[in-house]
C-alpha cells in the first residue's frame, strides 16, 4: 500500500502473476494518482499491459508506470500484466 496525501494505492498479485491495482482518492478535491511498476514489485524499466476493469477497456502498454486524475471520493481498478514481448 502507498499513500500520498489523500490518494491511496493498493495492489495484490493475481493468479498468473498479474497485479490488481486500486487507486483511491479519499479527498474533497480531484487528485493525481500514479502507480509505478517498482511499487508493484517490478522495475521502472518494465512495460506492463494495463486494463481498466470497471470501464472494461484496455489502456494498452505503459512503460515505467501510469497516472490519472481521480475525481473527489472516486477510485479506479486496474489490472497490470508484465509485457514480456517488450523485452529485447
PDB file of N, CA and C in Angstrom:
ATOM      1  N   UNK A   1       0.839  -1.168   0.000  1.00  0.00           N
ATOM      2  CA  UNK A   1       0.000   0.000   0.000  1.00  0.00           C
ATOM      3  C   UNK A   1       0.885   1.232   0.000  1.00  0.00           C
ATOM      4  N   UNK A   2       0.444   2.234  -0.731  1.00  0.00           N
ATOM      5  CA  UNK A   2       1.150   3.504  -0.787  1.00  0.00           C
ATOM      6  C   UNK A   2       0.131   4.612  -0.562  1.00  0.00           C
ATOM      7  N   UNK A   3       0.551   5.657   0.133  1.00  0.00           N
ATOM      8  CA  UNK A   3      -0.357   6.774   0.360  1.00  0.00           C
ATOM      9  C   UNK A   3       0.404   8.077   0.191  1.00  0.00           C
ATOM     10  N   UNK A   4      -0.173   8.969  -0.612  1.00  0.00           N
ATOM     11  CA  UNK A   4       0.371  10.318  -0.772  1.00  0.00           C
ATOM     12  C   UNK A   4      -0.803  11.278  -0.670  1.00  0.00           C
ATOM     13  N   UNK A   5      -0.819  12.028   0.413  1.00  0.00           N
ATOM     14  CA  UNK A   5      -1.929  12.929   0.745  1.00  0.00           C
ATOM     15  C   UNK A   5      -3.219  12.134   0.817  1.00  0.00           C
ATOM     16  N   UNK A   6      -4.195  12.453  -0.036  1.00  0.00           N
ATOM     17  CA  UNK A   6      -5.495  11.773   0.029  1.00  0.00           C
ATOM     18  C   UNK A   6      -5.606  10.587  -0.923  1.00  0.00           C
ATOM     19  N   UNK A   7      -4.530  10.264  -1.628  1.00  0.00           N
ATOM     20  CA  UNK A   7      -4.567   9.179  -2.616  1.00  0.00           C
ATOM     21  C   UNK A   7      -3.901   7.927  -2.049  1.00  0.00           C
ATOM     22  N   UNK A   8      -4.620   6.814  -2.117  1.00  0.00           N
ATOM     23  CA  UNK A   8      -4.086   5.522  -1.698  1.00  0.00           C
ATOM     24  C   UNK A   8      -3.982   4.606  -2.905  1.00  0.00           C
ATOM     25  N   UNK A   9      -2.944   3.787  -2.909  1.00  0.00           N
ATOM     26  CA  UNK A   9      -2.763   2.778  -3.957  1.00  0.00           C
ATOM     27  C   UNK A   9      -2.614   1.433  -3.269  1.00  0.00           C
ATOM     28  N   UNK A  10      -3.479   0.525  -3.631  1.00  0.00           N
ATOM     29  CA  UNK A  10      -3.460  -0.830  -3.092  1.00  0.00           C
ATOM     30  C   UNK A  10      -3.205  -1.788  -4.254  1.00  0.00           C
ATOM     31  N   UNK A  11      -2.405  -2.801  -4.015  1.00  0.00           N
ATOM     32  CA  UNK A  11      -2.090  -3.772  -5.068  1.00  0.00           C
ATOM     33  C   UNK A  11      -2.035  -5.169  -4.481  1.00  0.00           C
ATOM     34  N   UNK A  12      -2.401  -6.123  -5.316  1.00  0.00           N
ATOM     35  CA  UNK A  12      -2.353  -7.527  -4.915  1.00  0.00           C
ATOM     36  C   UNK A  12      -2.037  -8.371  -6.135  1.00  0.00           C
ATOM     37  N   UNK A  13      -1.190  -9.380  -5.924  1.00  0.00           N
ATOM     38  CA  UNK A  13      -0.860 -10.288  -7.015  1.00  0.00           C
ATOM     39  C   UNK A  13      -2.035 -11.214  -7.291  1.00  0.00           C
ATOM     40  N   UNK A  14      -2.296 -11.445  -8.571  1.00  0.00           N
ATOM     41  CA  UNK A  14      -3.344 -12.355  -9.018  1.00  0.00           C
ATOM     42  C   UNK A  14      -2.714 -13.656  -9.503  1.00  0.00           C
ATOM     43  N   UNK A  15      -3.518 -14.679  -9.682  1.00  0.00           N
ATOM     44  CA  UNK A  15      -3.019 -15.918 -10.286  1.00  0.00           C
ATOM     45  C   UNK A  15      -2.407 -15.583 -11.635  1.00  0.00           C
ATOM     46  N   UNK A  16      -1.276 -16.172 -11.937  1.00  0.00           N
ATOM     47  CA  UNK A  16      -0.617 -15.925 -13.213  1.00  0.00           C
ATOM     48  C   UNK A  16       0.373 -14.776 -13.170  1.00  0.00           C
ATOM     49  N   UNK A  17       0.469 -14.072 -12.043  1.00  0.00           N
ATOM     50  CA  UNK A  17       1.476 -13.029 -11.901  1.00  0.00           C
ATOM     51  C   UNK A  17       1.029 -11.611 -12.173  1.00  0.00           C
ATOM     52  N   UNK A  18      -0.158 -11.424 -12.738  1.00  0.00           N
ATOM     53  CA  UNK A  18      -0.661 -10.056 -12.954  1.00  0.00           C
ATOM     54  C   UNK A  18      -0.948  -9.415 -11.596  1.00  0.00           C
ATOM     55  N   UNK A  19      -1.151  -8.111 -11.591  1.00  0.00           N
ATOM     56  CA  UNK A  19      -1.456  -7.381 -10.362  1.00  0.00           C
ATOM     57  C   UNK A  19      -2.769  -6.630 -10.505  1.00  0.00           C
ATOM     58  N   UNK A  20      -3.601  -6.725  -9.485  1.00  0.00           N
ATOM     59  CA  UNK A  20      -4.790  -5.873  -9.380  1.00  0.00           C
ATOM     60  C   UNK A  20      -4.351  -4.624  -8.631  1.00  0.00           C
ATOM     61  N   UNK A  21      -4.743  -3.461  -9.125  1.00  0.00           N
ATOM     62  CA  UNK A  21      -4.327  -2.199  -8.526  1.00  0.00           C
ATOM     63  C   UNK A  21      -5.561  -1.324  -8.323  1.00  0.00           C
ATOM     64  N   UNK A  22      -5.751  -0.857  -7.095  1.00  0.00           N
ATOM     65  CA  UNK A  22      -6.833   0.072  -6.786  1.00  0.00           C
ATOM     66  C   UNK A  22      -6.208   1.426  -6.489  1.00  0.00           C
ATOM     67  N   UNK A  23      -6.683   2.453  -7.187  1.00  0.00           N
ATOM     68  CA  UNK A  23      -6.268   3.829  -6.947  1.00  0.00           C
ATOM     69  C   UNK A  23      -7.473   4.523  -6.314  1.00  0.00           C
ATOM     70  N   UNK A  24      -7.298   5.081  -5.134  1.00  0.00           N
ATOM     71  CA  UNK A  24      -8.420   5.606  -4.356  1.00  0.00           C
ATOM     72  C   UNK A  24      -8.138   7.044  -3.929  1.00  0.00           C
ATOM     73  N   UNK A  25      -9.061   7.947  -4.265  1.00  0.00           N
ATOM     74  CA  UNK A  25      -8.964   9.339  -3.832  1.00  0.00           C
ATOM     75  C   UNK A  25      -9.956   9.555  -2.694  1.00  0.00           C
ATOM     76  N   UNK A  26      -9.457   9.736  -1.487  1.00  0.00           N
ATOM     77  CA  UNK A  26     -10.298   9.952  -0.316  1.00  0.00           C
ATOM     78  C   UNK A  26     -10.552  11.441  -0.054  1.00  0.00           C
ATOM     79  N   UNK A  27     -10.022  12.298  -0.902  1.00  0.00           N
ATOM     80  CA  UNK A  27     -10.086  13.735  -0.663  1.00  0.00           C
ATOM     81  C   UNK A  27     -11.319  14.426  -1.218  1.00  0.00           C
ATOM     82  N   UNK A  28     -11.414  15.693  -0.891  1.00  0.00           N
ATOM     83  CA  UNK A  28     -12.520  16.551  -1.317  1.00  0.00           C
ATOM     84  C   UNK A  28     -12.270  17.166  -2.693  1.00  0.00           C
ATOM     85  N   UNK A  29     -11.049  17.030  -3.216  1.00  0.00           N
ATOM     86  CA  UNK A  29     -10.681  17.615  -4.500  1.00  0.00           C
ATOM     87  C   UNK A  29     -10.149  16.536  -5.432  1.00  0.00           C
ATOM     88  N   UNK A  30     -10.196  16.835  -6.736  1.00  0.00           N
ATOM     89  CA  UNK A  30      -9.593  15.933  -7.709  1.00  0.00           C
ATOM     90  C   UNK A  30      -8.104  15.784  -7.376  1.00  0.00           C
ATOM     91  N   UNK A  31      -7.556  14.611  -7.632  1.00  0.00           N
ATOM     92  CA  UNK A  31      -6.154  14.360  -7.293  1.00  0.00           C
ATOM     93  C   UNK A  31      -5.515  13.447  -8.327  1.00  0.00           C
ATOM     94  N   UNK A  32      -4.227  13.677  -8.556  1.00  0.00           N
ATOM     95  CA  UNK A  32      -3.456  12.834  -9.464  1.00  0.00           C
ATOM     96  C   UNK A  32      -2.992  11.597  -8.711  1.00  0.00           C
ATOM     97  N   UNK A  33      -3.197  10.446  -9.322  1.00  0.00           N
ATOM     98  CA  UNK A  33      -2.744   9.173  -8.758  1.00  0.00           C
ATOM     99  C   UNK A  33      -1.742   8.573  -9.730  1.00  0.00           C
ATOM    100  N   UNK A  34      -0.633   8.097  -9.191  1.00  0.00           N
ATOM    101  CA  UNK A  34       0.399   7.500 -10.034  1.00  0.00           C
ATOM    102  C   UNK A  34       0.858   6.186  -9.428  1.00  0.00           C
ATOM    103  N   UNK A  35       0.889   5.161 -10.272  1.00  0.00           N
ATOM    104  CA  UNK A  35       1.442   3.879  -9.850  1.00  0.00           C
ATOM    105  C   UNK A  35       2.646   3.594 -10.746  1.00  0.00           C
ATOM    106  N   UNK A  36       3.756   3.228 -10.129  1.00  0.00           N
ATOM    107  CA  UNK A  36       4.955   2.875 -10.883  1.00  0.00           C
ATOM    108  C   UNK A  36       5.197   1.381 -10.718  1.00  0.00           C
ATOM    109  N   UNK A  37       5.838   0.810 -11.698  1.00  0.00           N
ATOM    110  CA  UNK A  37       5.999  -0.655 -11.699  1.00  0.00           C
ATOM    111  C   UNK A  37       6.889  -1.122 -10.556  1.00  0.00           C
ATOM    112  N   UNK A  38       7.808  -0.283 -10.093  1.00  0.00           N
ATOM    113  CA  UNK A  38       8.625  -0.702  -8.952  1.00  0.00           C
ATOM    114  C   UNK A  38       7.773  -0.808  -7.683  1.00  0.00           C
ATOM    115  N   UNK A  39       6.706  -0.029  -7.585  1.00  0.00           N
ATOM    116  CA  UNK A  39       5.777  -0.151  -6.465  1.00  0.00           C
ATOM    117  C   UNK A  39       5.086  -1.515  -6.470  1.00  0.00           C
ATOM    118  N   UNK A  40       4.950  -2.101  -7.654  1.00  0.00           N
ATOM    119  CA  UNK A  40       4.273  -3.396  -7.805  1.00  0.00           C
ATOM    120  C   UNK A  40       5.250  -4.565  -7.805  1.00  0.00           C
ATOM    121  N   UNK A  41       6.503  -4.302  -7.500  1.00  0.00           N
ATOM    122  CA  UNK A  41       7.476  -5.380  -7.427  1.00  0.00           C
ATOM    123  C   UNK A  41       8.295  -5.562  -8.682  1.00  0.00           C
ATOM    124  N   UNK A  42       8.123  -4.698  -9.651  1.00  0.00           N
ATOM    125  CA  UNK A  42       8.908  -4.780 -10.883  1.00  0.00           C
ATOM    126  C   UNK A  42       9.979  -3.718 -10.901  1.00  0.00           C
ATOM    127  N   UNK A  43      10.261  -3.229 -12.080  1.00  0.00           N
ATOM    128  CA  UNK A  43      11.262  -2.190 -12.283  1.00  0.00           C
ATOM    129  C   UNK A  43      10.628  -1.058 -13.076  1.00  0.00           C
ATOM    130  N   UNK A  44      11.103   0.152 -12.880  1.00  0.00           N
ATOM    131  CA  UNK A  44      10.598   1.285 -13.670  1.00  0.00           C
ATOM    132  C   UNK A  44      10.883   1.098 -15.155  1.00  0.00           C
ATOM    133  N   UNK A  45      11.821   0.227 -15.491  1.00  0.00           N
ATOM    134  CA  UNK A  45      12.132  -0.032 -16.906  1.00  0.00           C
ATOM    135  C   UNK A  45      11.150  -1.011 -17.539  1.00  0.00           C
ATOM    136  N   UNK A  46      10.324  -1.657 -16.740  1.00  0.00           N
ATOM    137  CA  UNK A  46       9.373  -2.644 -17.260  1.00  0.00           C
ATOM    138  C   UNK A  46       8.257  -1.980 -18.053  1.00  0.00           C
ATOM    139  N   UNK A  47       7.650  -2.779 -18.895  1.00  0.00           N
ATOM    140  CA  UNK A  47       6.440  -2.376 -19.601  1.00  0.00           C
ATOM    141  C   UNK A  47       5.323  -3.296 -19.141  1.00  0.00           C
ATOM    142  N   UNK A  48       4.176  -2.715 -18.855  1.00  0.00           N
ATOM    143  CA  UNK A  48       3.025  -3.511 -18.428  1.00  0.00           C
ATOM    144  C   UNK A  48       1.840  -3.221 -19.335  1.00  0.00           C
ATOM    145  N   UNK A  49       1.048  -4.244 -19.552  1.00  0.00           N
ATOM    146  CA  UNK A  49      -0.217  -4.085 -20.267  1.00  0.00           C
ATOM    147  C   UNK A  49      -1.273  -3.761 -19.222  1.00  0.00           C
ATOM    148  N   UNK A  50      -1.988  -2.665 -19.428  1.00  0.00           N
ATOM    149  CA  UNK A  50      -2.984  -2.219 -18.456  1.00  0.00           C
ATOM    150  C   UNK A  50      -4.387  -2.374 -18.981  1.00  0.00           C
ATOM    151  N   UNK A  51      -5.279  -2.710 -18.068  1.00  0.00           N
ATOM    152  CA  UNK A  51      -6.708  -2.789 -18.381  1.00  0.00           C
ATOM    153  C   UNK A  51      -7.479  -2.135 -17.250  1.00  0.00           C
ATOM    154  N   UNK A  52      -8.422  -1.263 -17.612  1.00  0.00           N
ATOM    155  CA  UNK A  52      -9.334  -0.666 -16.639  1.00  0.00           C
ATOM    156  C   UNK A  52     -10.485  -1.658 -16.467  1.00  0.00           C
ATOM    157  N   UNK A  53     -10.558  -2.281 -15.307  1.00  0.00           N
ATOM    158  CA  UNK A  53     -11.539  -3.353 -15.103  1.00  0.00           C
ATOM    159  C   UNK A  53     -12.959  -2.826 -14.971  1.00  0.00           C
ATOM    160  N   UNK A  54     -13.146  -1.653 -14.380  1.00  0.00           N
ATOM    161  CA  UNK A  54     -14.501  -1.121 -14.240  1.00  0.00           C
ATOM    162  C   UNK A  54     -15.035  -0.578 -15.561  1.00  0.00           C
ATOM    163  N   UNK A  55     -14.156   0.022 -16.359  1.00  0.00           N
ATOM    164  CA  UNK A  55     -14.579   0.549 -17.665  1.00  0.00           C
ATOM    165  C   UNK A  55     -14.565  -0.528 -18.748  1.00  0.00           C
ATOM    166  N   UNK A  56     -13.963  -1.673 -18.421  1.00  0.00           N
ATOM    167  CA  UNK A  56     -13.844  -2.794 -19.368  1.00  0.00           C
ATOM    168  C   UNK A  56     -13.135  -2.373 -20.648  1.00  0.00           C
ATOM    169  N   UNK A  57     -12.028  -1.620 -20.456  1.00  0.00           N
ATOM    170  CA  UNK A  57     -11.275  -1.122 -21.608  1.00  0.00           C
ATOM    171  C   UNK A  57      -9.788  -1.381 -21.399  1.00  0.00           C
ATOM    172  N   UNK A  58      -9.133  -1.805 -22.484  1.00  0.00           N
ATOM    173  CA  UNK A  58      -7.680  -1.920 -22.448  1.00  0.00           C
ATOM    174  C   UNK A  58      -7.086  -0.521 -22.534  1.00  0.00           C
ATOM    175  N   UNK A  59      -6.147  -0.246 -21.675  1.00  0.00           N
ATOM    176  CA  UNK A  59      -5.416   1.017 -21.725  1.00  0.00           C
ATOM    177  C   UNK A  59      -4.209   0.856 -22.624  1.00  0.00           C
ATOM    178  N   UNK A  60      -3.654  -0.358 -22.637  1.00  0.00           N
ATOM    179  CA  UNK A  60      -2.531  -0.660 -23.512  1.00  0.00           C
ATOM    180  C   UNK A  60      -1.225  -0.721 -22.756  1.00  0.00           C
ATOM    181  N   UNK A  61      -0.127  -0.862 -23.509  1.00  0.00           N
ATOM    182  CA  UNK A  61       1.181  -0.963 -22.866  1.00  0.00           C
ATOM    183  C   UNK A  61       1.624   0.381 -22.302  1.00  0.00           C
ATOM    184  N   UNK A  62       2.216   0.331 -21.116  1.00  0.00           N
ATOM    185  CA  UNK A  62       2.750   1.532 -20.470  1.00  0.00           C
ATOM    186  C   UNK A  62       4.118   1.194 -19.897  1.00  0.00           C
ATOM    187  N   UNK A  63       5.060   2.062 -20.161  1.00  0.00           N
ATOM    188  CA  UNK A  63       6.412   1.875 -19.633  1.00  0.00           C
ATOM    189  C   UNK A  63       6.582   2.756 -18.403  1.00  0.00           C
ATOM    190  N   UNK A  64       7.233   2.262 -17.409  1.00  0.00           N
ATOM    191  CA  UNK A  64       7.568   2.943 -16.164  1.00  0.00           C
ATOM    192  C   UNK A  64       6.404   3.044 -15.194  1.00  0.00           C
ATOM    193  N   UNK A  65       5.206   3.329 -15.654  1.00  0.00           N
ATOM    194  CA  UNK A  65       4.071   3.472 -14.753  1.00  0.00           C
ATOM    195  C   UNK A  65       2.873   4.079 -15.453  1.00  0.00           C
ATOM    196  N   UNK A  66       1.911   4.491 -14.654  1.00  0.00           N
ATOM    197  CA  UNK A  66       0.668   5.034 -15.186  1.00  0.00           C
ATOM    198  C   UNK A  66       0.119   6.049 -14.188  1.00  0.00           C
ATOM    199  N   UNK A  67      -0.435   7.134 -14.714  1.00  0.00           N
ATOM    200  CA  UNK A  67      -1.059   8.102 -13.817  1.00  0.00           C
ATOM    201  C   UNK A  67      -2.380   8.574 -14.411  1.00  0.00           C
ATOM    202  N   UNK A  68      -3.256   9.016 -13.547  1.00  0.00           N
ATOM    203  CA  UNK A  68      -4.541   9.550 -13.957  1.00  0.00           C
ATOM    204  C   UNK A  68      -5.051  10.484 -12.872  1.00  0.00           C
ATOM    205  N   UNK A  69      -6.038  11.296 -13.232  1.00  0.00           N
ATOM    206  CA  UNK A  69      -6.649  12.197 -12.271  1.00  0.00           C
ATOM    207  C   UNK A  69      -7.963  11.576 -11.817  1.00  0.00           C
ATOM    208  N   UNK A  70      -8.096  11.450 -10.510  1.00  0.00           N
ATOM    209  CA  UNK A  70      -9.306  10.881  -9.920  1.00  0.00           C
ATOM    210  C   UNK A  70     -10.193  12.001  -9.384  1.00  0.00           C
ATOM    211  N   UNK A  71     -11.467  11.896  -9.646  1.00  0.00           N
ATOM    212  CA  UNK A  71     -12.430  12.842  -9.084  1.00  0.00           C
ATOM    213  C   UNK A  71     -12.462  12.667  -7.564  1.00  0.00           C
ATOM    214  N   UNK A  72     -12.995  13.648  -6.836  1.00  0.00           N
ATOM    215  CA  UNK A  72     -13.097  13.501  -5.381  1.00  0.00           C
ATOM    216  C   UNK A  72     -13.870  12.238  -4.996  1.00  0.00           C
ATOM    217  N   UNK A  73     -13.388  11.539  -4.009  1.00  0.00           N
ATOM    218  CA  UNK A  73     -14.046  10.338  -3.470  1.00  0.00           C
ATOM    219  C   UNK A  73     -14.322   9.287  -4.550  1.00  0.00           C
ATOM    220  N   UNK A  74     -13.375   9.123  -5.465  1.00  0.00           N
ATOM    221  CA  UNK A  74     -13.563   8.115  -6.518  1.00  0.00           C
ATOM    222  C   UNK A  74     -12.385   7.153  -6.520  1.00  0.00           C
ATOM    223  N   UNK A  75     -12.519   6.122  -7.348  1.00  0.00           N
ATOM    224  CA  UNK A  75     -11.494   5.088  -7.409  1.00  0.00           C
ATOM    225  C   UNK A  75     -11.390   4.542  -8.825  1.00  0.00           C
ATOM    226  N   UNK A  76     -10.272   3.883  -9.093  1.00  0.00           N
ATOM    227  CA  UNK A  76     -10.068   3.158 -10.347  1.00  0.00           C
ATOM    228  C   UNK A  76      -9.538   1.777  -9.989  1.00  0.00           C
ATOM    229  N   UNK A  77      -9.941   0.789 -10.777  1.00  0.00           N
ATOM    230  CA  UNK A  77      -9.479  -0.585 -10.589  1.00  0.00           C
ATOM    231  C   UNK A  77      -8.808  -1.030 -11.873  1.00  0.00           C
ATOM    232  N   UNK A  78      -7.514  -1.337 -11.770  1.00  0.00           N
ATOM    233  CA  UNK A  78      -6.717  -1.698 -12.929  1.00  0.00           C
ATOM    234  C   UNK A  78      -6.137  -3.096 -12.780  1.00  0.00           C
ATOM    235  N   UNK A  79      -5.813  -3.685 -13.919  1.00  0.00           N
ATOM    236  CA  UNK A  79      -5.061  -4.934 -13.945  1.00  0.00           C
ATOM    237  C   UNK A  79      -3.789  -4.661 -14.732  1.00  0.00           C
ATOM    238  N   UNK A  80      -2.642  -4.940 -14.124  1.00  0.00           N
ATOM    239  CA  UNK A  80      -1.344  -4.737 -14.764  1.00  0.00           C
ATOM    240  C   UNK A  80      -0.685  -6.091 -14.983  1.00  0.00           C
ATOM    241  N   UNK A  81      -0.345  -6.375 -16.239  1.00  0.00           N
ATOM    242  CA  UNK A  81       0.306  -7.625 -16.599  1.00  0.00           C
ATOM    243  C   UNK A  81       1.634  -7.293 -17.265  1.00  0.00           C
ATOM    244  N   UNK A  82       2.715  -7.880 -16.782  1.00  0.00           N
ATOM    245  CA  UNK A  82       4.024  -7.623 -17.377  1.00  0.00           C
ATOM    246  C   UNK A  82       3.993  -7.989 -18.857  1.00  0.00           C
ATOM    247  N   UNK A  83       4.503  -7.093 -19.674  1.00  0.00           N
ATOM    248  CA  UNK A  83       4.552  -7.291 -21.123  1.00  0.00           C
ATOM    249  C   UNK A  83       5.910  -7.864 -21.494  1.00  0.00           C
ATOM    250  N   UNK A  84       5.991  -9.187 -21.551  1.00  0.00           N
ATOM    251  CA  UNK A  84       7.265  -9.848 -21.859  1.00  0.00           C
ATOM    252  C   UNK A  84       7.691  -9.636 -23.300  1.00  0.00           C
ATOM    253  N   UNK A  85       6.764  -9.295 -24.193  1.00  0.00           N
ATOM    254  CA  UNK A  85       7.131  -9.073 -25.585  1.00  0.00           C
ATOM    255  C   UNK A  85       7.915  -7.777 -25.758  1.00  0.00           C
ATOM    256  N   UNK A  86       7.855  -6.874 -24.760  1.00  0.00           N
ATOM    257  CA  UNK A  86       8.565  -5.592 -24.845  1.00  0.00           C
ATOM    258  C   UNK A  86      10.034  -5.734 -24.484  1.00  0.00           C
ATOM    259  N   UNK A  87      10.414  -6.852 -23.909  1.00  0.00           N
ATOM    260  CA  UNK A  87      11.821  -7.051 -23.520  1.00  0.00           C
ATOM    261  C   UNK A  87      12.633  -7.485 -24.728  1.00  0.00           C
ATOM    262  N   UNK A  88      13.742  -6.852 -24.904  1.00  0.00           N
ATOM    263  CA  UNK A  88      14.592  -7.216 -26.050  1.00  0.00           C
ATOM    264  C   UNK A  88      15.944  -7.675 -25.572  1.00  0.00           C
TER     265      UNK A  88
END
